[in-house]
Amino acid sequence: MTNFRTLFLAGSVALGTMMALPATAVADVHSIVLVHGGNVDGSTWRGVYERLIARNYDGTVTQLPMTSIEDDVAAVRRSLDVQDGPVLLVGHSYGGGVITEAGVDPDVKGFVYVTAFMPDIGESGGALLQHSVCEGLTS
């Protein structure tokens, strides 16, 4: 089951990469920053990270402190600061909200949301949940 999950996540990252960027921009991106979700840590990206490295990408797994959204965004920004060239941000679950906020960096060329929150800048995951629950009640 672990191998299937790892393969699924790696495939999701690869597919999301192609969907997030035009073909010319994809060729320019060699750095991929992976951001984990809530209630887990960066080790959940290990299999994906290993596959990215095997394909000659520069993979970085950002370990979020999980103390506040601001602290988590700051951790991702520190990861972005050490990248060379264009970057693809990949977030899972809660990490989707984090990459949205951190992704204003000019080197970020695309986002991949892997079963993740996909808020607008400044919108919280809680607001997304409340909105979707209220929408479900009115439809």
Protein backbone atom coordinates (compact mmCIF):
# COMPACT_ATOMS: atom_id res chain seq x y z
CA MET A 1 0.00 0.00 0.00
CA THR A 2 2.86 2.40 0.79
CA ASN A 3 4.38 1.89 -2.67
CA PHE A 4 1.02 2.58 -4.32
CA ARG A 5 0.57 5.78 -2.29
CA THR A 6 4.09 6.94 -3.16
CA LEU A 7 3.56 6.17 -6.83
CA PHE A 8 0.22 7.98 -6.79
CA LEU A 9 1.75 11.09 -5.20
CA ALA A 10 4.68 11.06 -7.64
CA GLY A 11 2.27 10.76 -10.55
CA SER A 12 0.12 13.57 -9.14
CA VAL A 13 3.14 15.84 -8.88
CA ALA A 14 4.22 15.05 -12.46
CA LEU A 15 0.72 15.53 -13.87
CA GLY A 16 0.18 18.69 -11.85
CA THR A 17 3.47 20.07 -13.14
CA MET A 18 2.32 19.72 -16.73
CA MET A 19 -1.07 21.22 -15.96
CA ALA A 20 0.25 24.12 -13.88
CA LEU A 21 2.72 25.53 -16.40
CA PRO A 22 2.98 26.08 -20.13
CA ALA A 23 5.39 23.67 -21.85
CA THR A 24 8.15 26.27 -22.19
CA ALA A 25 8.00 27.11 -18.48
CA VAL A 26 8.11 23.42 -17.48
CA ALA A 27 11.48 23.06 -19.19
CA ASP A 28 12.84 25.91 -17.07
CA VAL A 29 11.77 24.51 -13.70
CA HIS A 30 14.29 22.23 -12.01
CA SER A 31 13.55 23.11 -8.38
CA ILE A 32 10.50 21.67 -6.69
CA VAL A 33 9.58 22.56 -3.12
CA LEU A 34 7.29 20.05 -1.39
CA VAL A 35 5.10 21.17 1.52
CA HIS A 36 3.34 18.67 3.78
CA GLY A 37 -0.14 18.86 5.24
CA GLY A 38 -1.34 19.14 8.80
CA ASN A 39 -0.91 16.34 11.35
CA VAL A 40 2.03 14.88 9.39
CA ASP A 41 5.60 15.92 8.70
CA GLY A 42 7.90 16.26 5.72
CA SER A 43 8.72 12.55 5.72
CA THR A 44 5.42 11.92 3.92
CA TRP A 45 7.11 13.29 0.78
CA ARG A 46 10.10 10.93 0.96
CA GLY A 47 9.09 8.67 -1.94
CA VAL A 48 8.18 11.61 -4.16
CA TYR A 49 11.42 13.38 -3.24
CA GLU A 50 13.48 10.31 -4.16
CA ARG A 51 11.73 10.03 -7.54
CA LEU A 52 12.28 13.72 -8.28
CA ILE A 53 15.99 13.45 -7.45
CA ALA A 54 16.26 10.34 -9.65
CA ARG A 55 14.84 12.44 -12.51
CA ASN A 56 17.44 15.19 -11.93
CA TYR A 57 15.15 17.70 -10.24
CA ASP A 58 16.29 19.68 -7.22
CA GLY A 59 13.77 18.59 -4.61
CA THR A 60 13.33 20.30 -1.27
CA VAL A 61 11.00 19.12 1.47
CA THR A 62 10.01 21.98 3.75
CA GLN A 63 9.42 20.96 7.34
CA LEU A 64 6.67 23.21 8.67
CA PRO A 65 6.88 24.21 12.36
CA MET A 66 3.04 24.02 12.55
CA THR A 67 2.94 26.85 15.11
CA SER A 68 0.97 29.30 12.94
CA ILE A 69 0.23 29.91 9.27
CA GLU A 70 2.67 32.84 9.37
CA ASP A 71 5.48 30.62 10.71
CA ASP A 72 4.71 27.95 8.12
CA VAL A 73 4.73 30.48 5.27
CA ALA A 74 8.05 31.83 6.58
CA ALA A 75 9.50 28.29 6.51
CA VAL A 76 8.49 27.87 2.87
CA ARG A 77 9.93 31.29 2.01
CA ARG A 78 13.25 30.22 3.55
CA SER A 79 13.16 27.14 1.31
CA LEU A 80 12.47 29.36 -1.69
CA ASP A 81 15.37 31.66 -0.80
CA VAL A 82 17.91 28.86 -1.27
CA GLN A 83 16.60 27.68 -4.67
CA ASP A 84 18.38 28.45 -7.93
CA GLY A 85 16.05 29.63 -10.67
CA PRO A 86 12.37 28.96 -11.27
CA VAL A 87 10.50 26.92 -8.66
CA LEU A 88 7.39 24.78 -8.58
CA LEU A 89 5.56 24.73 -5.22
CA VAL A 90 3.71 21.54 -4.30
CA GLY A 91 1.37 21.43 -1.32
CA HIS A 92 -0.67 18.66 0.21
CA SER A 93 -3.79 19.31 2.32
CA TYR A 94 -3.11 22.25 4.67
CA GLY A 95 0.12 22.83 2.72
CA GLY A 96 -2.00 24.16 -0.14
CA GLY A 97 -2.90 27.21 1.90
CA VAL A 98 0.73 27.67 2.87
CA ILE A 99 2.04 27.55 -0.71
CA THR A 100 -0.62 30.03 -1.84
CA GLU A 101 0.65 32.58 0.68
CA ALA A 102 4.34 31.84 0.09
CA GLY A 103 3.98 31.70 -3.68
CA VAL A 104 4.09 35.44 -4.28
CA ASP A 105 7.84 35.01 -4.74
CA PRO A 106 8.77 35.96 -8.34
CA ASP A 107 10.74 32.71 -8.79
CA VAL A 108 7.59 30.63 -8.25
CA LYS A 109 6.37 29.62 -11.69
CA GLY A 110 3.55 27.29 -10.71
CA PHE A 111 1.63 25.47 -8.02
CA VAL A 112 0.49 21.90 -7.60
CA TYR A 113 -2.26 21.24 -5.08
CA VAL A 114 -2.32 17.54 -4.16
CA THR A 115 -5.67 16.96 -2.43
CA ALA A 116 -5.06 20.35 -0.89
CA PHE A 117 -6.73 23.55 0.11
CA MET A 118 -6.51 26.03 -2.76
CA PRO A 119 -7.37 29.39 -1.20
CA ASP A 120 -6.99 32.86 -2.64
CA ILE A 121 -4.17 34.89 -1.07
CA GLY A 122 -5.32 35.90 2.40
CA GLU A 123 -8.16 33.36 2.52
CA SER A 124 -7.92 30.78 5.30
CA GLY A 125 -8.52 27.05 5.09
CA GLY A 126 -11.22 27.46 7.72
CA ALA A 127 -13.02 29.97 5.49
CA LEU A 128 -12.85 27.47 2.62
CA LEU A 129 -14.37 24.75 4.78
CA GLN A 130 -17.12 27.02 6.04
CA HIS A 131 -17.90 28.17 2.50
CA SER A 132 -18.07 24.62 1.13
CA VAL A 133 -20.26 23.41 4.03
CA CYS A 134 -22.64 26.35 3.62
CA GLU A 135 -22.77 25.83 -0.16
CA GLY A 136 -23.62 22.18 0.40
CA LEU A 137 -26.51 23.13 2.66
CA THR A 138 -27.99 25.57 0.14
CA SER A 139 -27.70 23.41 -2.98
